[in-house]
Amino acid sequence: MNPIRLTLSFLFLTLSLGAQEFQITSIAAKVNGHAITKKEVDSLLAPRRELLKTLYPRQGEIYQRRLKDARDKILESLINNEIVLSEVRGKANIPDYAVEQEVKRIVRENFNGKDAEFKKHLQETNQTLRSFRETQREKILVQAYRSQQFGDIPPPTDSEIKAHYADRKLALRDRAKDQVDYQKIFIRASDPLDPNITPERQLDLAESLAIQARGEADFATLAKENSDGAFADKGGLWEDVSRTDLRLAFGDAIFEETNNGDIIGPLKDPAGFTIVKIIKLKYGPSPSLSTKETRDRMKQEVDIKKRNDRYEKWINGLKRHAMITRNI
C-alpha cells in the first residue's frame, strides 16, 4: 500500500476511534437526540461522592454500590427533566430573580451558607456560575410545569401542609448554625520524619481502633493512648464545634449519617483518619411555618407530592415513545 495512503488511513482510524472514545466517555445519555453529559451527572454527584469517600476510605464494595445508586438516581432524574423540557422549551421562561433565590437557597442549605465552599464546588465540578444558574432555571421550569399539570388535583389542605412541614422541619434548618459535641481519635496519615508511618498502616490502625471503640474499650482511653489530635489528653473531647468549622464532607458525615451516641469512622481527610463518637448533635433553627416563604414552599412541595403518582405515569408514558440511550 502507498505509504501516504497508509498514513492517512491510520490517522483516519485514530481520529475515528478518538472521536468514538470521546463520545462514549463524555455523554452519559441521550434523550430524543439531546445529550446529557457526564459532566452534568458528575457535578450533581460530586457532594455525594465526597461524602462517600470520607465514609469509606478503602472505597470498597459498599462505597461502589452507594455511589452507583446515587449516580443512577441522578441520571434518571436528568432524563426525566429532559423529557419534560422537550415539551416546554420555548413555551415558558423563569425570571432571573427566581433563579437567584434558588441559588441562594442551595448555598444556604447545601454549603452551610459559605459562598467560598460553593465557589470551590463550581471549580471542582468545572462549572461556571452562569451554567449553574441555567441548570437551576431548567429545574424550576420543570417543577413549574409539573405543578401546572393535572389541574383537577385538589389543592393542599392546611392539615397536609402542617404534616409535611413536621416531616421536613429538620431538613429545612439553618445548617450553618449546627453544632456538635464529640470525642475524636485522629490518626495522621503520614510523618515525613518516620517512613514507617504510611497511609495504609495508619488506616489499618484506625480501623482496629474503631472496632475496639465499638466494642468494650473506653473511647477516652483509646484517644489518650493513640490520638494525634488536639485534646487527646482530655479523651479527645471537643465541645460546641460549629458545622461551618468542619470540612463539608466531614460535616455531612456527622450531621446527616449519625445520631447521638453513634461511633462513626474511620473518616478520611487529606491529613489522616478520624474516629468520632457523637455526644450531642445540636441542630440549627428551622424556619417557622408562619412565614409566607416557608408556607408557600411547603404548599408547593405538597402539591408536587400529590401530583407525583400521576406524573410518574405520565413521564413513563412519554419514555415509552422517547429515544433514550444510556452510556453509564
C-alpha atoms as a PDB file:
ATOM      1  CA  MET A   1       0.000   0.000   0.000  1.00  0.00           C
ATOM      2  CA  ASN A   2       1.129   3.517  -0.765  1.00  0.00           C
ATOM      3  CA  PRO A   3       2.901   4.882   2.383  1.00  0.00           C
ATOM      4  CA  ILE A   4       0.970   8.138   2.196  1.00  0.00           C
ATOM      5  CA  ARG A   5      -2.336   6.313   1.864  1.00  0.00           C
ATOM      6  CA  LEU A   6      -1.370   4.011   4.752  1.00  0.00           C
ATOM      7  CA  THR A   7      -0.523   7.015   6.935  1.00  0.00           C
ATOM      8  CA  LEU A   8      -3.793   8.745   6.078  1.00  0.00           C
ATOM      9  CA  SER A   9      -5.743   5.555   6.772  1.00  0.00           C
ATOM     10  CA  PHE A  10      -4.038   5.191  10.130  1.00  0.00           C
ATOM     11  CA  LEU A  11      -4.747   8.834  11.010  1.00  0.00           C
ATOM     12  CA  PHE A  12      -8.382   8.461   9.974  1.00  0.00           C
ATOM     13  CA  LEU A  13      -8.746   5.331  12.102  1.00  0.00           C
ATOM     14  CA  THR A  14      -7.043   7.020  15.063  1.00  0.00           C
ATOM     15  CA  LEU A  15      -9.236  10.095  14.796  1.00  0.00           C
ATOM     16  CA  SER A  16     -12.354   7.955  14.407  1.00  0.00           C
ATOM     17  CA  LEU A  17     -11.512   5.899  17.467  1.00  0.00           C
ATOM     18  CA  GLY A  18     -10.613   9.043  19.378  1.00  0.00           C
ATOM     19  CA  ALA A  19     -13.926  10.662  18.495  1.00  0.00           C
ATOM     20  CA  GLN A  20     -15.774   7.460  19.384  1.00  0.00           C
ATOM     21  CA  GLU A  21     -13.970   7.261  22.726  1.00  0.00           C
ATOM     22  CA  PHE A  22     -14.735  10.940  23.416  1.00  0.00           C
ATOM     23  CA  GLN A  23     -18.419  10.376  22.669  1.00  0.00           C
ATOM     24  CA  ILE A  24     -18.596   7.279  24.829  1.00  0.00           C
ATOM     25  CA  THR A  25     -16.773   8.830  27.761  1.00  0.00           C
ATOM     26  CA  SER A  26     -18.348  12.304  27.647  1.00  0.00           C
ATOM     27  CA  ILE A  27     -22.025  11.512  27.064  1.00  0.00           C
ATOM     28  CA  ALA A  28     -23.962   9.860  29.860  1.00  0.00           C
ATOM     29  CA  ALA A  29     -27.238   9.541  27.959  1.00  0.00           C
ATOM     30  CA  LYS A  30     -29.203  10.867  25.011  1.00  0.00           C
ATOM     31  CA  VAL A  31     -32.894  11.783  25.090  1.00  0.00           C
ATOM     32  CA  ASN A  32     -34.501  12.371  21.699  1.00  0.00           C
ATOM     33  CA  GLY A  33     -31.104  13.365  20.362  1.00  0.00           C
ATOM     34  CA  HIS A  34     -30.298  15.768  23.198  1.00  0.00           C
ATOM     35  CA  ALA A  35     -27.140  14.817  25.127  1.00  0.00           C
ATOM     36  CA  ILE A  36     -26.867  14.601  28.897  1.00  0.00           C
ATOM     37  CA  THR A  37     -23.164  14.822  29.612  1.00  0.00           C
ATOM     38  CA  LYS A  38     -21.150  13.024  32.234  1.00  0.00           C
ATOM     39  CA  LYS A  39     -20.095  16.476  33.384  1.00  0.00           C
ATOM     40  CA  GLU A  40     -23.724  17.230  34.296  1.00  0.00           C
ATOM     41  CA  VAL A  41     -24.035  13.945  36.186  1.00  0.00           C
ATOM     42  CA  ASP A  42     -20.670  14.344  37.934  1.00  0.00           C
ATOM     43  CA  SER A  43     -21.408  17.907  39.028  1.00  0.00           C
ATOM     44  CA  LEU A  44     -24.581  16.746  40.790  1.00  0.00           C
ATOM     45  CA  LEU A  45     -22.839  13.632  42.110  1.00  0.00           C
ATOM     46  CA  ALA A  46     -19.785  15.483  43.495  1.00  0.00           C
ATOM     47  CA  PRO A  47     -21.089  16.255  47.032  1.00  0.00           C
ATOM     48  CA  ARG A  48     -22.307  12.671  47.453  1.00  0.00           C
ATOM     49  CA  ARG A  49     -19.031  11.275  46.114  1.00  0.00           C
ATOM     50  CA  GLU A  50     -17.010  13.348  48.609  1.00  0.00           C
ATOM     51  CA  LEU A  51     -19.217  12.176  51.471  1.00  0.00           C
ATOM     52  CA  LEU A  52     -18.803   8.526  50.440  1.00  0.00           C
ATOM     53  CA  LYS A  53     -15.025   8.924  50.088  1.00  0.00           C
ATOM     54  CA  THR A  54     -14.972  10.290  53.626  1.00  0.00           C
ATOM     55  CA  LEU A  55     -17.132   7.462  54.969  1.00  0.00           C
ATOM     56  CA  TYR A  56     -15.368   4.638  53.115  1.00  0.00           C
ATOM     57  CA  PRO A  57     -11.581   5.291  52.905  1.00  0.00           C
ATOM     58  CA  ARG A  58     -10.918   1.989  51.122  1.00  0.00           C
ATOM     59  CA  GLN A  59     -13.660   2.665  48.552  1.00  0.00           C
ATOM     60  CA  GLY A  60     -14.729  -0.963  48.641  1.00  0.00           C
ATOM     61  CA  GLU A  61     -17.953  -2.753  47.728  1.00  0.00           C
ATOM     62  CA  ILE A  62     -20.308  -0.640  49.864  1.00  0.00           C
ATOM     63  CA  TYR A  63     -18.762   2.574  48.540  1.00  0.00           C
ATOM     64  CA  GLN A  64     -19.118   1.405  44.938  1.00  0.00           C
ATOM     65  CA  ARG A  65     -22.714   0.286  45.451  1.00  0.00           C
ATOM     66  CA  ARG A  66     -23.811   3.512  47.133  1.00  0.00           C
ATOM     67  CA  LEU A  67     -22.006   5.592  44.522  1.00  0.00           C
ATOM     68  CA  LYS A  68     -23.696   3.677  41.679  1.00  0.00           C
ATOM     69  CA  ASP A  69     -27.117   4.054  43.313  1.00  0.00           C
ATOM     70  CA  ALA A  70     -26.590   7.807  43.652  1.00  0.00           C
ATOM     71  CA  ARG A  71     -25.350   8.114  40.044  1.00  0.00           C
ATOM     72  CA  ASP A  72     -28.290   6.092  38.684  1.00  0.00           C
ATOM     73  CA  LYS A  73     -30.823   8.259  40.535  1.00  0.00           C
ATOM     74  CA  ILE A  74     -29.214  11.459  39.261  1.00  0.00           C
ATOM     75  CA  LEU A  75     -29.111  10.205  35.675  1.00  0.00           C
ATOM     76  CA  GLU A  76     -32.753   9.094  35.776  1.00  0.00           C
ATOM     77  CA  SER A  77     -33.772  12.469  37.185  1.00  0.00           C
ATOM     78  CA  LEU A  78     -31.886  14.267  34.384  1.00  0.00           C
ATOM     79  CA  ILE A  79     -33.558  12.026  31.792  1.00  0.00           C
ATOM     80  CA  ASN A  80     -36.982  12.827  33.239  1.00  0.00           C
ATOM     81  CA  ASN A  81     -36.168  16.532  33.254  1.00  0.00           C
ATOM     82  CA  GLU A  82     -35.019  16.428  29.636  1.00  0.00           C
ATOM     83  CA  ILE A  83     -38.241  14.715  28.571  1.00  0.00           C
ATOM     84  CA  VAL A  84     -40.272  17.460  30.266  1.00  0.00           C
ATOM     85  CA  LEU A  85     -38.037  20.220  28.876  1.00  0.00           C
ATOM     86  CA  SER A  86     -38.585  18.920  25.357  1.00  0.00           C
ATOM     87  CA  GLU A  87     -42.297  19.600  25.972  1.00  0.00           C
ATOM     88  CA  VAL A  88     -41.936  23.127  27.372  1.00  0.00           C
ATOM     89  CA  ARG A  89     -38.871  24.716  25.744  1.00  0.00           C
ATOM     90  CA  GLY A  90     -39.871  27.969  24.065  1.00  0.00           C
ATOM     91  CA  LYS A  91     -43.279  27.979  25.765  1.00  0.00           C
ATOM     92  CA  ALA A  92     -42.298  29.457  29.145  1.00  0.00           C
ATOM     93  CA  ASN A  93     -39.494  31.286  30.924  1.00  0.00           C
ATOM     94  CA  ILE A  94     -38.335  31.670  34.523  1.00  0.00           C
ATOM     95  CA  PRO A  95     -37.406  35.196  35.714  1.00  0.00           C
ATOM     96  CA  ASP A  96     -33.855  35.866  36.881  1.00  0.00           C
ATOM     97  CA  TYR A  97     -34.897  36.775  40.443  1.00  0.00           C
ATOM     98  CA  ALA A  98     -36.473  33.333  40.934  1.00  0.00           C
ATOM     99  CA  VAL A  99     -33.262  31.665  39.782  1.00  0.00           C
ATOM    100  CA  GLU A 100     -31.179  33.852  42.093  1.00  0.00           C
ATOM    101  CA  GLN A 101     -33.397  32.955  45.066  1.00  0.00           C
ATOM    102  CA  GLU A 102     -32.922  29.267  44.309  1.00  0.00           C
ATOM    103  CA  VAL A 103     -29.130  29.631  44.067  1.00  0.00           C
ATOM    104  CA  LYS A 104     -29.081  31.394  47.447  1.00  0.00           C
ATOM    105  CA  ARG A 105     -31.182  28.600  48.959  1.00  0.00           C
ATOM    106  CA  ILE A 106     -28.763  25.971  47.644  1.00  0.00           C
ATOM    107  CA  VAL A 107     -25.759  27.827  49.089  1.00  0.00           C
ATOM    108  CA  ARG A 108     -27.536  28.147  52.438  1.00  0.00           C
ATOM    109  CA  GLU A 109     -28.739  24.550  52.698  1.00  0.00           C
ATOM    110  CA  ASN A 110     -26.038  22.574  50.864  1.00  0.00           C
ATOM    111  CA  PHE A 111     -22.903  24.608  51.547  1.00  0.00           C
ATOM    112  CA  ASN A 112     -23.526  25.836  55.104  1.00  0.00           C
ATOM    113  CA  GLY A 113     -24.141  29.317  53.734  1.00  0.00           C
ATOM    114  CA  LYS A 114     -20.496  29.578  52.647  1.00  0.00           C
ATOM    115  CA  ASP A 115     -20.006  31.271  49.284  1.00  0.00           C
ATOM    116  CA  ALA A 116     -16.381  30.090  49.306  1.00  0.00           C
ATOM    117  CA  GLU A 117     -17.455  26.427  49.600  1.00  0.00           C
ATOM    118  CA  PHE A 118     -19.977  26.940  46.790  1.00  0.00           C
ATOM    119  CA  LYS A 119     -17.370  28.537  44.513  1.00  0.00           C
ATOM    120  CA  LYS A 120     -14.953  25.712  45.319  1.00  0.00           C
ATOM    121  CA  HIS A 121     -17.647  23.219  44.309  1.00  0.00           C
ATOM    122  CA  LEU A 122     -18.136  25.032  40.998  1.00  0.00           C
ATOM    123  CA  GLN A 123     -14.394  24.897  40.327  1.00  0.00           C
ATOM    124  CA  GLU A 124     -14.087  21.216  41.255  1.00  0.00           C
ATOM    125  CA  THR A 125     -17.012  20.275  39.006  1.00  0.00           C
ATOM    126  CA  ASN A 126     -15.816  22.513  36.161  1.00  0.00           C
ATOM    127  CA  GLN A 127     -18.933  24.689  36.215  1.00  0.00           C
ATOM    128  CA  THR A 128     -19.352  28.423  35.863  1.00  0.00           C
ATOM    129  CA  LEU A 129     -21.835  30.379  37.920  1.00  0.00           C
ATOM    130  CA  ARG A 130     -23.692  31.116  34.701  1.00  0.00           C
ATOM    131  CA  SER A 131     -24.003  27.440  33.735  1.00  0.00           C
ATOM    132  CA  PHE A 132     -25.088  26.575  37.281  1.00  0.00           C
ATOM    133  CA  ARG A 133     -27.806  29.247  37.152  1.00  0.00           C
ATOM    134  CA  GLU A 134     -29.053  27.925  33.821  1.00  0.00           C
ATOM    135  CA  THR A 135     -29.249  24.416  35.258  1.00  0.00           C
ATOM    136  CA  GLN A 136     -31.353  25.735  38.137  1.00  0.00           C
ATOM    137  CA  ARG A 137     -33.540  27.673  35.687  1.00  0.00           C
ATOM    138  CA  GLU A 138     -34.332  24.438  33.859  1.00  0.00           C
ATOM    139  CA  LYS A 139     -35.094  22.649  37.136  1.00  0.00           C
ATOM    140  CA  ILE A 140     -37.506  25.390  38.197  1.00  0.00           C
ATOM    141  CA  LEU A 141     -39.135  25.257  34.765  1.00  0.00           C
ATOM    142  CA  VAL A 142     -39.662  21.503  35.147  1.00  0.00           C
ATOM    143  CA  GLN A 143     -41.149  21.972  38.629  1.00  0.00           C
ATOM    144  CA  ALA A 144     -43.456  24.721  37.391  1.00  0.00           C
ATOM    145  CA  TYR A 145     -44.648  22.552  34.530  1.00  0.00           C
ATOM    146  CA  ARG A 146     -45.311  19.666  36.886  1.00  0.00           C
ATOM    147  CA  SER A 147     -47.330  21.963  39.137  1.00  0.00           C
ATOM    148  CA  GLN A 148     -49.434  23.122  36.196  1.00  0.00           C
ATOM    149  CA  GLN A 149     -50.200  19.607  35.027  1.00  0.00           C
ATOM    150  CA  PHE A 150     -53.209  17.655  36.245  1.00  0.00           C
ATOM    151  CA  GLY A 151     -55.253  20.712  37.266  1.00  0.00           C
ATOM    152  CA  ASP A 152     -58.003  18.607  38.807  1.00  0.00           C
ATOM    153  CA  ILE A 153     -55.773  17.693  41.766  1.00  0.00           C
ATOM    154  CA  PRO A 154     -57.332  19.253  44.892  1.00  0.00           C
ATOM    155  CA  PRO A 155     -55.217  21.997  46.494  1.00  0.00           C
ATOM    156  CA  PRO A 156     -53.201  21.133  49.624  1.00  0.00           C
ATOM    157  CA  THR A 157     -55.181  21.359  52.850  1.00  0.00           C
ATOM    158  CA  ASP A 158     -53.918  23.077  55.982  1.00  0.00           C
ATOM    159  CA  SER A 159     -53.505  19.735  57.756  1.00  0.00           C
ATOM    160  CA  GLU A 160     -51.498  18.337  54.814  1.00  0.00           C
ATOM    161  CA  ILE A 161     -49.216  21.383  54.846  1.00  0.00           C
ATOM    162  CA  LYS A 162     -48.652  21.083  58.615  1.00  0.00           C
ATOM    163  CA  ALA A 163     -47.944  17.340  58.404  1.00  0.00           C
ATOM    164  CA  HIS A 164     -45.475  17.861  55.565  1.00  0.00           C
ATOM    165  CA  TYR A 165     -43.741  20.648  57.479  1.00  0.00           C
ATOM    166  CA  ALA A 166     -43.364  18.347  60.502  1.00  0.00           C
ATOM    167  CA  ASP A 167     -41.635  15.782  58.260  1.00  0.00           C
ATOM    168  CA  ARG A 168     -39.402  18.375  56.603  1.00  0.00           C
ATOM    169  CA  LYS A 169     -38.700  20.677  59.552  1.00  0.00           C
ATOM    170  CA  LEU A 170     -35.255  19.281  60.378  1.00  0.00           C
ATOM    171  CA  ALA A 171     -34.140  19.308  56.728  1.00  0.00           C
ATOM    172  CA  LEU A 172     -35.177  22.959  56.433  1.00  0.00           C
ATOM    173  CA  ARG A 173     -32.997  24.093  59.331  1.00  0.00           C
ATOM    174  CA  ASP A 174     -30.163  26.604  59.114  1.00  0.00           C
ATOM    175  CA  ARG A 175     -27.287  24.129  58.790  1.00  0.00           C
ATOM    176  CA  ALA A 176     -24.742  26.923  59.237  1.00  0.00           C
ATOM    177  CA  LYS A 177     -25.804  27.020  62.909  1.00  0.00           C
ATOM    178  CA  ASP A 178     -25.474  23.276  63.544  1.00  0.00           C
ATOM    179  CA  GLN A 179     -23.155  22.385  66.423  1.00  0.00           C
ATOM    180  CA  VAL A 180     -21.895  19.127  67.874  1.00  0.00           C
ATOM    181  CA  ASP A 181     -20.144  17.802  70.965  1.00  0.00           C
ATOM    182  CA  TYR A 182     -17.983  14.780  70.233  1.00  0.00           C
ATOM    183  CA  GLN A 183     -14.898  12.790  71.145  1.00  0.00           C
ATOM    184  CA  LYS A 184     -12.446  12.005  68.409  1.00  0.00           C
ATOM    185  CA  ILE A 185      -9.376   9.913  67.737  1.00  0.00           C
ATOM    186  CA  PHE A 186      -7.226  11.327  64.961  1.00  0.00           C
ATOM    187  CA  ILE A 187      -4.586   9.177  63.260  1.00  0.00           C
ATOM    188  CA  ARG A 188      -2.298  11.131  60.946  1.00  0.00           C
ATOM    189  CA  ALA A 189      -1.796   9.583  57.505  1.00  0.00           C
ATOM    190  CA  SER A 190       1.972  10.033  57.341  1.00  0.00           C
ATOM    191  CA  ASP A 191       5.005  11.550  59.006  1.00  0.00           C
ATOM    192  CA  PRO A 192       7.863  12.971  56.911  1.00  0.00           C
ATOM    193  CA  LEU A 193      10.245  12.129  59.755  1.00  0.00           C
ATOM    194  CA  ASP A 194       9.164   8.490  60.026  1.00  0.00           C
ATOM    195  CA  PRO A 195       8.972   6.417  56.801  1.00  0.00           C
ATOM    196  CA  ASN A 196       7.291   3.581  58.713  1.00  0.00           C
ATOM    197  CA  ILE A 197       4.176   5.705  59.159  1.00  0.00           C
ATOM    198  CA  THR A 198       2.336   5.161  55.876  1.00  0.00           C
ATOM    199  CA  PRO A 199      -1.315   5.821  54.958  1.00  0.00           C
ATOM    200  CA  GLU A 200      -2.005   2.093  54.580  1.00  0.00           C
ATOM    201  CA  ARG A 201      -0.597   1.222  58.010  1.00  0.00           C
ATOM    202  CA  GLN A 202      -2.344   4.180  59.612  1.00  0.00           C
ATOM    203  CA  LEU A 203      -5.666   3.175  58.079  1.00  0.00           C
ATOM    204  CA  ASP A 204      -5.162  -0.352  59.451  1.00  0.00           C
ATOM    205  CA  LEU A 205      -4.561   1.178  62.889  1.00  0.00           C
ATOM    206  CA  ALA A 206      -7.599   3.453  62.635  1.00  0.00           C
ATOM    207  CA  GLU A 207      -9.839   0.540  61.626  1.00  0.00           C
ATOM    208  CA  SER A 208      -8.546  -1.512  64.551  1.00  0.00           C
ATOM    209  CA  LEU A 209      -9.237   1.345  66.985  1.00  0.00           C
ATOM    210  CA  ALA A 210     -12.740   1.813  65.546  1.00  0.00           C
ATOM    211  CA  ILE A 211     -13.508  -1.859  66.198  1.00  0.00           C
ATOM    212  CA  GLN A 212     -12.249  -1.508  69.774  1.00  0.00           C
ATOM    213  CA  ALA A 213     -14.250   1.697  70.281  1.00  0.00           C
ATOM    214  CA  ARG A 214     -17.440  -0.030  69.149  1.00  0.00           C
ATOM    215  CA  GLY A 215     -16.674  -2.893  71.495  1.00  0.00           C
ATOM    216  CA  GLU A 216     -15.945  -2.691  75.192  1.00  0.00           C
ATOM    217  CA  ALA A 217     -12.937  -0.383  75.088  1.00  0.00           C
ATOM    218  CA  ASP A 218     -13.208   3.054  76.690  1.00  0.00           C
ATOM    219  CA  PHE A 219     -13.181   5.716  73.963  1.00  0.00           C
ATOM    220  CA  ALA A 220     -11.429   8.314  76.122  1.00  0.00           C
ATOM    221  CA  THR A 221      -8.631   5.878  76.980  1.00  0.00           C
ATOM    222  CA  LEU A 222      -8.160   4.965  73.320  1.00  0.00           C
ATOM    223  CA  ALA A 223      -7.928   8.663  72.461  1.00  0.00           C
ATOM    224  CA  LYS A 224      -5.373   9.375  75.189  1.00  0.00           C
ATOM    225  CA  GLU A 225      -3.196   6.464  74.107  1.00  0.00           C
ATOM    226  CA  ASN A 226      -3.455   6.754  70.311  1.00  0.00           C
ATOM    227  CA  SER A 227      -4.806  10.066  69.051  1.00  0.00           C
ATOM    228  CA  ASP A 228      -2.541  12.535  67.263  1.00  0.00           C
ATOM    229  CA  GLY A 229      -5.187  15.244  67.541  1.00  0.00           C
ATOM    230  CA  ALA A 230      -5.745  18.143  69.900  1.00  0.00           C
ATOM    231  CA  PHE A 231      -7.331  17.430  73.291  1.00  0.00           C
ATOM    232  CA  ALA A 232      -6.101  13.823  73.212  1.00  0.00           C
ATOM    233  CA  ASP A 233      -5.128  14.270  76.864  1.00  0.00           C
ATOM    234  CA  LYS A 234      -8.804  15.053  77.588  1.00  0.00           C
ATOM    235  CA  GLY A 235     -10.062  11.908  75.874  1.00  0.00           C
ATOM    236  CA  GLY A 236     -10.423  13.677  72.532  1.00  0.00           C
ATOM    237  CA  LEU A 237     -13.363  15.750  73.760  1.00  0.00           C
ATOM    238  CA  TRP A 238     -14.478  18.637  71.545  1.00  0.00           C
ATOM    239  CA  GLU A 239     -17.464  20.760  72.560  1.00  0.00           C
ATOM    240  CA  ASP A 240     -19.693  23.235  70.715  1.00  0.00           C
ATOM    241  CA  VAL A 241     -17.999  22.574  67.374  1.00  0.00           C
ATOM    242  CA  SER A 242     -19.734  24.532  64.628  1.00  0.00           C
ATOM    243  CA  ARG A 243     -20.538  22.723  61.412  1.00  0.00           C
ATOM    244  CA  THR A 244     -19.064  25.652  59.499  1.00  0.00           C
ATOM    245  CA  ASP A 245     -15.673  24.869  61.108  1.00  0.00           C
ATOM    246  CA  LEU A 246     -15.694  21.349  59.654  1.00  0.00           C
ATOM    247  CA  ARG A 247     -14.829  20.222  56.144  1.00  0.00           C
ATOM    248  CA  LEU A 248     -18.017  19.990  54.097  1.00  0.00           C
ATOM    249  CA  ALA A 249     -17.964  16.199  53.686  1.00  0.00           C
ATOM    250  CA  PHE A 250     -16.919  15.722  57.330  1.00  0.00           C
ATOM    251  CA  GLY A 251     -19.864  17.836  58.482  1.00  0.00           C
ATOM    252  CA  ASP A 252     -22.231  15.923  56.197  1.00  0.00           C
ATOM    253  CA  ALA A 253     -20.988  12.620  57.614  1.00  0.00           C
ATOM    254  CA  ILE A 254     -21.597  13.751  61.206  1.00  0.00           C
ATOM    255  CA  PHE A 255     -24.901  15.569  60.819  1.00  0.00           C
ATOM    256  CA  GLU A 256     -26.541  13.510  58.084  1.00  0.00           C
ATOM    257  CA  GLU A 257     -25.318   9.990  58.879  1.00  0.00           C
ATOM    258  CA  THR A 258     -25.312   9.741  62.703  1.00  0.00           C
ATOM    259  CA  ASN A 259     -27.374  10.034  65.877  1.00  0.00           C
ATOM    260  CA  ASN A 260     -26.361  10.802  69.456  1.00  0.00           C
ATOM    261  CA  GLY A 261     -24.151   8.037  70.839  1.00  0.00           C
ATOM    262  CA  ASP A 262     -23.051   6.711  67.458  1.00  0.00           C
ATOM    263  CA  ILE A 263     -19.426   5.969  66.626  1.00  0.00           C
ATOM    264  CA  ILE A 264     -18.503   6.726  63.032  1.00  0.00           C
ATOM    265  CA  GLY A 265     -15.273   6.191  61.177  1.00  0.00           C
ATOM    266  CA  PRO A 266     -12.557   6.000  60.330  1.00  0.00           C
ATOM    267  CA  LEU A 267     -13.379   9.057  58.241  1.00  0.00           C
ATOM    268  CA  LYS A 268     -10.779  10.048  55.685  1.00  0.00           C
ATOM    269  CA  ASP A 269      -9.492  13.552  55.065  1.00  0.00           C
ATOM    270  CA  PRO A 270      -6.250  14.827  53.477  1.00  0.00           C
ATOM    271  CA  ALA A 271      -4.438  14.785  56.832  1.00  0.00           C
ATOM    272  CA  GLY A 272      -5.431  11.363  58.091  1.00  0.00           C
ATOM    273  CA  PHE A 273      -8.200   9.251  59.590  1.00  0.00           C
ATOM    274  CA  THR A 274     -10.696  10.186  62.294  1.00  0.00           C
ATOM    275  CA  ILE A 275     -12.950   8.120  64.542  1.00  0.00           C
ATOM    276  CA  VAL A 276     -15.770  10.128  66.096  1.00  0.00           C
ATOM    277  CA  LYS A 277     -18.103   9.360  68.978  1.00  0.00           C
ATOM    278  CA  ILE A 278     -21.153  11.618  68.856  1.00  0.00           C
ATOM    279  CA  ILE A 279     -22.063  13.006  72.267  1.00  0.00           C
ATOM    280  CA  LYS A 280     -24.699  15.536  71.271  1.00  0.00           C
ATOM    281  CA  LEU A 281     -25.939  16.888  67.948  1.00  0.00           C
ATOM    282  CA  LYS A 282     -27.320  20.423  68.227  1.00  0.00           C
ATOM    283  CA  TYR A 283     -29.214  21.355  65.114  1.00  0.00           C
ATOM    284  CA  GLY A 284     -29.662  24.888  63.824  1.00  0.00           C
ATOM    285  CA  PRO A 285     -33.078  26.589  63.956  1.00  0.00           C
ATOM    286  CA  SER A 286     -35.756  25.730  61.419  1.00  0.00           C
ATOM    287  CA  PRO A 287     -37.876  28.410  59.743  1.00  0.00           C
ATOM    288  CA  SER A 288     -41.337  28.945  61.172  1.00  0.00           C
ATOM    289  CA  LEU A 289     -44.317  27.709  59.213  1.00  0.00           C
ATOM    290  CA  SER A 290     -45.937  31.062  59.963  1.00  0.00           C
ATOM    291  CA  THR A 291     -43.655  32.823  57.457  1.00  0.00           C
ATOM    292  CA  LYS A 292     -45.074  33.228  53.958  1.00  0.00           C
ATOM    293  CA  GLU A 293     -41.921  31.893  52.291  1.00  0.00           C
ATOM    294  CA  THR A 294     -41.938  28.647  54.288  1.00  0.00           C
ATOM    295  CA  ARG A 295     -45.663  28.108  53.961  1.00  0.00           C
ATOM    296  CA  ASP A 296     -45.585  28.713  50.202  1.00  0.00           C
ATOM    297  CA  ARG A 297     -42.690  26.275  49.859  1.00  0.00           C
ATOM    298  CA  MET A 298     -44.494  23.580  51.879  1.00  0.00           C
ATOM    299  CA  LYS A 299     -47.645  24.149  49.852  1.00  0.00           C
ATOM    300  CA  GLN A 300     -45.695  23.720  46.626  1.00  0.00           C
ATOM    301  CA  GLU A 301     -43.985  20.543  47.883  1.00  0.00           C
ATOM    302  CA  VAL A 302     -47.296  19.017  48.984  1.00  0.00           C
ATOM    303  CA  ASP A 303     -48.789  19.944  45.635  1.00  0.00           C
ATOM    304  CA  ILE A 304     -45.944  18.207  43.778  1.00  0.00           C
ATOM    305  CA  LYS A 305     -46.185  15.186  46.071  1.00  0.00           C
ATOM    306  CA  LYS A 306     -49.937  14.826  45.410  1.00  0.00           C
ATOM    307  CA  ARG A 307     -49.373  15.017  41.666  1.00  0.00           C
ATOM    308  CA  ASN A 308     -46.397  12.675  41.733  1.00  0.00           C
ATOM    309  CA  ASP A 309     -48.182   9.366  41.103  1.00  0.00           C
ATOM    310  CA  ARG A 310     -49.915  10.739  38.026  1.00  0.00           C
ATOM    311  CA  TYR A 311     -46.736  12.490  36.977  1.00  0.00           C
ATOM    312  CA  GLU A 312     -44.822   9.188  37.117  1.00  0.00           C
ATOM    313  CA  LYS A 313     -47.446   7.513  34.921  1.00  0.00           C
ATOM    314  CA  TRP A 314     -47.313  10.452  32.503  1.00  0.00           C
ATOM    315  CA  ILE A 315     -43.499  10.568  32.322  1.00  0.00           C
ATOM    316  CA  ASN A 316     -43.294   6.782  31.922  1.00  0.00           C
ATOM    317  CA  GLY A 317     -45.732   7.059  29.016  1.00  0.00           C
ATOM    318  CA  LEU A 318     -43.519   9.663  27.357  1.00  0.00           C
ATOM    319  CA  LYS A 319     -40.467   7.470  27.992  1.00  0.00           C
ATOM    320  CA  ARG A 320     -42.027   4.603  26.073  1.00  0.00           C
ATOM    321  CA  HIS A 321     -42.123   6.784  22.973  1.00  0.00           C
ATOM    322  CA  ALA A 322     -38.835   8.608  23.560  1.00  0.00           C
ATOM    323  CA  MET A 323     -35.477   7.665  22.097  1.00  0.00           C
ATOM    324  CA  ILE A 324     -33.280   7.122  25.157  1.00  0.00           C
ATOM    325  CA  THR A 325     -29.777   5.686  25.212  1.00  0.00           C
ATOM    326  CA  ARG A 326     -27.756   5.314  28.422  1.00  0.00           C
ATOM    327  CA  ASN A 327     -23.971   5.038  28.426  1.00  0.00           C
ATOM    328  CA  ILE A 328     -23.403   4.730  32.178  1.00  0.00           C
END
